[in-house]
Protein backbone atom coordinates (compact mmCIF):
# COMPACT_ATOMS: atom_id res chain seq x y z
CA UNK A 1 10.77 14.95 13.95
CA UNK A 2 11.67 11.49 12.62
CA UNK A 3 12.57 10.78 8.98
CA UNK A 4 9.87 8.17 8.43
CA UNK A 5 6.78 6.80 10.15
CA UNK A 6 5.22 3.52 8.96
CA UNK A 7 1.51 2.79 9.03
CA UNK A 8 -0.89 0.11 7.87
CA UNK A 9 -4.51 -0.90 8.21
CA UNK A 10 -5.47 -3.40 10.90
CA UNK A 11 -9.08 -3.95 9.91
CA UNK A 12 -9.30 -7.48 11.28
CA UNK A 13 -7.55 -9.85 13.72
CA UNK A 14 -5.52 -11.27 10.81
CA UNK A 15 -4.46 -7.81 9.55
CA UNK A 16 -3.43 -6.85 13.09
CA UNK A 17 -1.19 -9.94 13.26
CA UNK A 18 0.25 -8.95 9.86
CA UNK A 19 0.94 -5.47 11.27
CA UNK A 20 2.80 -7.00 14.14
CA UNK A 21 4.96 -9.04 11.72
CA UNK A 22 5.56 -5.93 9.61
CA UNK A 23 6.83 -4.09 12.68
CA UNK A 24 8.99 -7.00 13.73
CA UNK A 25 10.57 -7.20 10.29
CA UNK A 26 11.29 -3.49 10.34
CA UNK A 27 12.89 -3.77 13.79
CA UNK A 28 14.98 -6.73 12.67
CA UNK A 29 16.05 -5.71 9.18
CA UNK A 30 15.37 -2.00 8.77
CA UNK A 31 18.90 -0.82 9.38
CA UNK A 32 18.98 2.92 10.21
CA UNK A 33 15.17 3.00 9.96
CA UNK A 34 14.58 0.10 12.40
CA UNK A 35 13.40 2.42 15.19
CA UNK A 36 10.90 4.26 13.07
CA UNK A 37 7.39 4.68 14.58
CA UNK A 38 4.83 2.13 13.42
CA UNK A 39 1.05 2.75 13.52
CA UNK A 40 -1.76 0.21 13.09
CA UNK A 41 -4.95 1.92 12.00
CA UNK A 42 -7.94 0.23 13.60
CA UNK A 43 -11.50 0.89 12.32
CA UNK A 44 -14.28 1.59 14.77
CA UNK A 45 -15.86 -1.72 15.93
CA UNK A 46 -12.78 -3.91 15.40
CA UNK A 47 -11.81 -5.57 18.66
CA UNK A 48 -8.49 -7.30 19.14
CA UNK A 49 -7.69 -10.00 21.71
CA UNK A 50 -5.91 -8.75 24.86
CA UNK A 51 -3.00 -11.02 23.93
CA UNK A 52 -2.58 -9.40 20.51
CA UNK A 53 -2.91 -5.93 21.97
CA UNK A 54 -0.15 -6.76 24.40
CA UNK A 55 2.05 -8.10 21.63
CA UNK A 56 1.49 -4.92 19.62
CA UNK A 57 2.36 -2.76 22.61
CA UNK A 58 5.52 -4.75 23.18
CA UNK A 59 6.39 -4.33 19.53
CA UNK A 60 6.09 -0.54 19.86
CA UNK A 61 3.11 -0.32 17.56
CA UNK A 62 0.72 2.52 18.17
CA UNK A 63 -2.95 1.50 17.80
CA UNK A 64 -4.75 4.44 16.14
CA UNK A 65 -8.57 4.26 15.93
CA UNK A 66 -10.46 5.79 12.99
CA UNK A 67 -13.99 5.83 11.68
CA UNK A 68 -15.00 5.06 8.11
CA UNK A 69 -17.26 7.83 6.76
CA UNK A 70 -20.78 6.37 6.46
CA UNK A 71 -21.13 7.08 2.72
CA UNK A 72 -18.21 4.76 2.06
CA UNK A 73 -19.66 1.77 3.91
CA UNK A 74 -20.58 0.10 0.61
CA UNK A 75 -17.30 0.84 -1.17
CA UNK A 76 -14.87 -2.13 -1.14
CA UNK A 77 -11.54 -1.48 0.55
CA UNK A 78 -12.50 2.12 1.36
CA UNK A 79 -11.00 1.58 4.82
CA UNK A 80 -7.57 1.81 3.21
CA UNK A 81 -8.15 5.39 2.17
CA UNK A 82 -9.76 6.34 5.49
CA UNK A 83 -6.98 4.70 7.49
CA UNK A 84 -4.30 6.38 5.35
CA UNK A 85 -5.94 9.75 5.87
CA UNK A 86 -5.96 9.32 9.68
CA UNK A 87 -2.34 8.11 9.64
CA UNK A 88 -1.39 11.26 7.75
CA UNK A 89 -3.04 13.39 10.43
CA UNK A 90 -1.10 11.51 13.12
CA UNK A 91 2.23 11.83 11.25
CA UNK A 92 2.02 15.50 10.24
CA UNK A 93 3.71 16.90 13.32
CA UNK A 94 6.13 14.05 13.88
CA UNK A 95 7.51 12.62 10.59
CA UNK A 96 8.97 13.97 7.35
CA UNK A 97 7.60 11.01 5.42
CA UNK A 98 4.67 8.69 6.03
CA UNK A 99 5.07 5.20 4.56
CA UNK A 100 1.60 3.70 4.05
CA UNK A 101 1.72 -0.08 3.42
CA UNK A 102 -0.65 -2.95 3.15
CA UNK A 103 -0.36 -4.87 6.38
CA UNK A 104 0.89 -8.05 4.62
CA UNK A 105 4.22 -6.41 3.92
CA UNK A 106 7.66 -7.54 5.07
CA UNK A 107 10.73 -5.34 5.37
CA UNK A 108 13.70 -7.50 4.36
CA UNK A 109 16.60 -5.02 4.42
CA UNK A 110 17.08 -1.33 4.99
CA UNK A 111 14.39 0.28 2.81
CA UNK A 112 16.43 3.07 1.31
CA UNK A 113 14.19 3.03 -1.77
CA UNK A 114 11.46 4.65 0.28
CA UNK A 115 13.38 7.91 0.42
CA UNK A 116 11.98 10.33 -2.18
CA UNK A 117 13.59 13.37 -3.77
CA UNK A 118 12.96 16.80 -2.13
CA UNK A 119 10.71 17.98 -4.97
CA UNK A 120 8.49 14.90 -4.73
CA UNK A 121 5.34 15.02 -2.65
CA UNK A 122 4.57 11.31 -2.89
CA UNK A 123 6.28 8.13 -4.04
CA UNK A 124 4.39 5.30 -5.73
CA UNK A 125 4.75 1.94 -7.45
CA UNK A 126 2.65 1.05 -10.53
CA UNK A 127 0.05 -1.72 -10.14
CA UNK A 128 1.39 -5.23 -10.64
CA UNK A 129 -1.25 -6.30 -13.16
CA UNK A 130 -3.37 -4.18 -15.46
CA UNK A 131 -6.82 -5.49 -14.45
CA UNK A 132 -8.94 -2.30 -14.59
CA UNK A 133 -6.03 -0.12 -15.72
CA UNK A 134 -6.43 1.97 -18.86
CA UNK A 135 -4.09 0.93 -21.71
CA UNK A 136 -1.96 3.85 -22.86
CA UNK A 137 -2.64 3.19 -26.53
CA UNK A 138 -6.44 3.09 -26.17
CA UNK A 139 -9.02 5.74 -25.30
CA UNK A 140 -10.05 5.78 -21.61
CA UNK A 141 -13.12 3.63 -20.88
CA UNK A 142 -16.18 4.99 -19.05
CA UNK A 143 -14.65 4.21 -15.61
CA UNK A 144 -11.52 6.27 -16.23
CA UNK A 145 -13.46 9.04 -17.98
CA UNK A 146 -15.61 9.34 -14.87
CA UNK A 147 -12.53 9.30 -12.58
CA UNK A 148 -10.83 12.06 -14.57
CA UNK A 149 -13.99 14.17 -14.82
CA UNK A 150 -14.87 13.71 -11.15
CA UNK A 151 -11.37 14.59 -9.96
CA UNK A 152 -10.79 17.39 -12.45
CA UNK A 153 -7.79 15.78 -14.16
CA UNK A 154 -6.54 17.75 -17.13
CA UNK A 155 -5.43 15.56 -20.03
CA UNK A 156 -1.83 16.76 -20.05
CA UNK A 157 -1.35 15.66 -16.44
CA UNK A 158 -1.88 11.95 -17.36
CA UNK A 159 1.34 10.02 -18.03
CA UNK A 160 2.12 6.37 -18.71
CA UNK A 161 3.49 3.76 -16.31
CA UNK A 162 4.22 0.09 -16.89
CA UNK A 163 2.62 -2.67 -14.85
CA UNK A 164 5.33 -4.32 -12.77
CA UNK A 165 4.72 -7.89 -14.02
CA UNK A 166 3.27 -7.60 -17.55
CA UNK A 167 5.25 -4.40 -18.31
CA UNK A 168 2.16 -3.14 -20.13
CA UNK A 169 1.98 0.65 -20.65
CA UNK A 170 -1.13 2.04 -18.98
CA UNK A 171 -2.33 5.44 -17.79
CA UNK A 172 -0.87 6.29 -14.40
CA UNK A 173 -2.45 3.82 -11.93
CA UNK A 174 -0.67 3.24 -8.66
CA UNK A 175 -0.52 0.46 -6.08
CA UNK A 176 -2.42 1.73 -3.05
CA UNK A 177 -0.52 -0.71 -0.83
CA UNK A 178 2.79 1.13 -0.98
CA UNK A 179 2.85 4.95 -0.77
CA UNK A 180 5.41 7.36 0.64
CA UNK A 181 3.78 10.69 1.34
CA UNK A 182 4.83 14.06 2.79
CA UNK A 183 2.12 14.52 5.44
CA UNK A 184 2.01 18.31 5.06
CA UNK A 185 0.92 17.89 1.45
CA UNK A 186 -2.31 16.31 2.67
CA UNK A 187 -2.47 13.95 -0.29
CA UNK A 188 -3.83 10.94 1.60
CA UNK A 189 -6.56 13.10 3.05
CA UNK A 190 -7.20 14.22 -0.52
CA UNK A 191 -7.50 10.59 -1.56
CA UNK A 192 -10.22 10.06 1.03
CA UNK A 193 -12.04 13.21 -0.02
CA UNK A 194 -11.83 12.22 -3.67
CA UNK A 195 -13.14 8.77 -2.97
CA UNK A 196 -16.07 10.22 -1.02
CA UNK A 197 -16.91 12.52 -3.92
CA UNK A 198 -16.58 9.88 -6.62
CA UNK A 199 -18.52 7.20 -4.75
CA UNK A 200 -21.47 9.58 -4.41
CA UNK A 201 -21.87 9.92 -8.15
CA UNK A 202 -24.32 7.88 -10.24
CA UNK A 203 -21.51 6.28 -12.23
CA UNK A 204 -20.33 4.26 -9.20
CA UNK A 205 -23.59 2.28 -9.14
CA UNK A 206 -23.04 1.08 -12.68
CA UNK A 207 -19.59 -0.41 -12.16
CA UNK A 208 -18.75 -4.12 -12.56
CA UNK A 209 -17.60 -6.20 -9.62
CA UNK A 210 -13.91 -5.90 -10.52
CA UNK A 211 -14.26 -2.12 -11.11
CA UNK A 212 -15.89 -1.71 -7.70
CA UNK A 213 -13.18 -3.78 -6.02
CA UNK A 214 -10.43 -1.54 -7.32
CA UNK A 215 -12.35 1.71 -7.34
CA UNK A 216 -10.51 3.00 -4.24
CA UNK A 217 -7.23 2.54 -6.13
CA UNK A 218 -8.50 4.28 -9.27
CA UNK A 219 -9.64 7.16 -7.07
CA UNK A 220 -6.11 7.40 -5.72
CA UNK A 221 -4.75 7.86 -9.27
CA UNK A 222 -7.33 10.51 -10.05
CA UNK A 223 -6.74 12.58 -6.97
CA UNK A 224 -2.93 12.45 -7.33
CA UNK A 225 -3.01 13.39 -11.04
CA UNK A 226 -5.34 16.30 -10.31
CA UNK A 227 -3.19 17.65 -7.45
CA UNK A 228 0.39 17.11 -8.65
CA UNK A 229 2.73 17.60 -11.58
CA UNK A 230 4.74 14.69 -12.92
CA UNK A 231 7.92 15.76 -11.12
CA UNK A 232 6.06 15.68 -7.76
CA UNK A 233 5.25 11.94 -8.11
CA UNK A 234 8.35 9.82 -7.45
CA UNK A 235 8.78 6.40 -8.96
CA UNK A 236 9.68 3.99 -6.18
CA UNK A 237 12.20 1.31 -7.24
CA UNK A 238 11.28 -2.33 -7.99
CA UNK A 239 13.11 -3.43 -4.85
CA UNK A 240 10.14 -1.96 -2.95
CA UNK A 241 6.82 -3.81 -2.62
CA UNK A 242 7.96 -6.89 -4.57
CA UNK A 243 4.83 -9.04 -5.27
CA UNK A 244 5.92 -12.26 -3.55
CA UNK A 245 2.37 -13.60 -3.85
CA UNK A 246 2.72 -13.32 -7.65
CA UNK A 247 6.32 -14.63 -7.80
CA UNK A 248 5.42 -17.36 -10.30
CA UNK A 249 4.06 -14.70 -12.72
CA UNK A 250 7.17 -12.54 -12.60
CA UNK A 251 9.36 -13.19 -15.64
CA UNK A 252 12.39 -15.25 -14.72
CA UNK A 253 14.87 -12.50 -15.57
CA UNK A 254 13.20 -10.14 -13.10
CA UNK A 255 12.76 -12.48 -10.18
CA UNK A 256 15.07 -11.94 -7.21
CA UNK A 257 17.53 -14.72 -6.52
CA UNK A 258 16.79 -14.31 -2.83
CA UNK A 259 14.27 -12.40 -0.73
CA UNK A 260 17.23 -10.48 0.60
CA UNK A 261 17.58 -8.92 -2.86
CA UNK A 262 14.45 -6.84 -2.22
CA UNK A 263 13.79 -4.23 0.42
CA UNK A 264 10.19 -5.06 1.00
CA UNK A 265 7.57 -7.52 -0.33
CA UNK A 266 3.87 -8.26 -0.24
CA UNK A 267 2.91 -11.83 0.60
CA UNK A 268 -0.89 -12.16 0.76
CA UNK A 269 -1.52 -15.89 1.22
CA UNK A 270 2.03 -17.22 0.63
CA UNK A 271 2.58 -18.24 4.23
CA UNK A 272 -0.77 -20.06 4.45
CA UNK A 273 0.95 -22.93 2.58
CA UNK A 274 3.08 -25.45 4.44
CA UNK A 275 5.52 -25.62 1.52
CA UNK A 276 5.98 -21.84 1.32
CA UNK A 277 9.78 -22.11 1.47
CA UNK A 278 9.75 -24.22 -1.72
CA UNK A 279 7.65 -21.65 -3.55
CA UNK A 280 9.88 -18.62 -2.86
CA UNK A 281 13.66 -18.02 -2.89
CA UNK A 282 14.68 -17.72 0.75
CA UNK A 283 18.03 -18.08 2.53
CA UNK A 284 18.28 -20.49 5.46
CA UNK A 285 18.62 -17.95 8.25
CA UNK A 286 15.70 -15.86 6.93
CA UNK A 287 13.62 -18.99 6.50
CA UNK A 288 14.15 -19.83 10.16
CA UNK A 289 13.17 -16.29 11.17
CA UNK A 290 10.04 -16.37 9.12
CA UNK A 291 8.99 -19.86 10.11
CA UNK A 292 9.09 -18.90 13.76
CA UNK A 293 6.63 -16.11 12.95
CA UNK A 294 4.55 -17.70 10.23
CA UNK A 295 1.53 -17.87 12.52
CA UNK A 296 1.40 -14.05 12.30
CA UNK A 297 1.33 -14.12 8.50
CA UNK A 298 -1.51 -16.58 8.10
CA UNK A 299 -4.90 -15.31 7.01
CA UNK A 300 -6.93 -17.87 9.00
């Protein structure tokens, strides 16, 4: 059994290219974890070019098919929960920890921050921006009331976190693009089951566009809070999942001087821009490495 397995969603040709770049960055910069298994979770009906399939095979990426449950077809980003659940099934017999990442993630040095304490069942980062999050000093709004009621969250289980950029205290609400789970705890499968249950309730049909977009992530918070005590949810460090795509919003005193100061980052559309190296702090050798692979990171 390996220490960690890495997995991400490859729900499109672009996401599959991102998955390939994620794997390449792990192999290049992952230190003792560079040889960890990498899975790309591919939804039913998504077809990749033979060239990309060959690249993924050469990069030692396992292509794992999965089906999105039909009741979730109208739930934005529900494939993330379904893919994570299938990755957890695949990892249960082979890995102590499953690292579930959004595909537009780069590993930039040995990701030691992904190791969680023995008592922890899952490791999480708070969301970057509040958006639909519930302010700690206000009563929960109808969305969060329905999440807590639907998941069976007792009030004493809810604790505060601070958004990574605004540093605003909100009720526990985690970034679904960076999770470290113990597969035997079945928490990612619980996320999918919770999402299925919540999406079937009448309250889902009354949500605003933004609430629907992040509903899958709110469901993650609800299912984790219902299942775990505070000591079982590890706080991953800020060197993990740095929001490179929001670099300009990060207060100056919390920005890394170089990308090599963080273990992993999310980039979204950063590399779609020709002047990307002016926008972010990158050392010359890493810039050369990334520029040679920038075609993998583009969203077009």
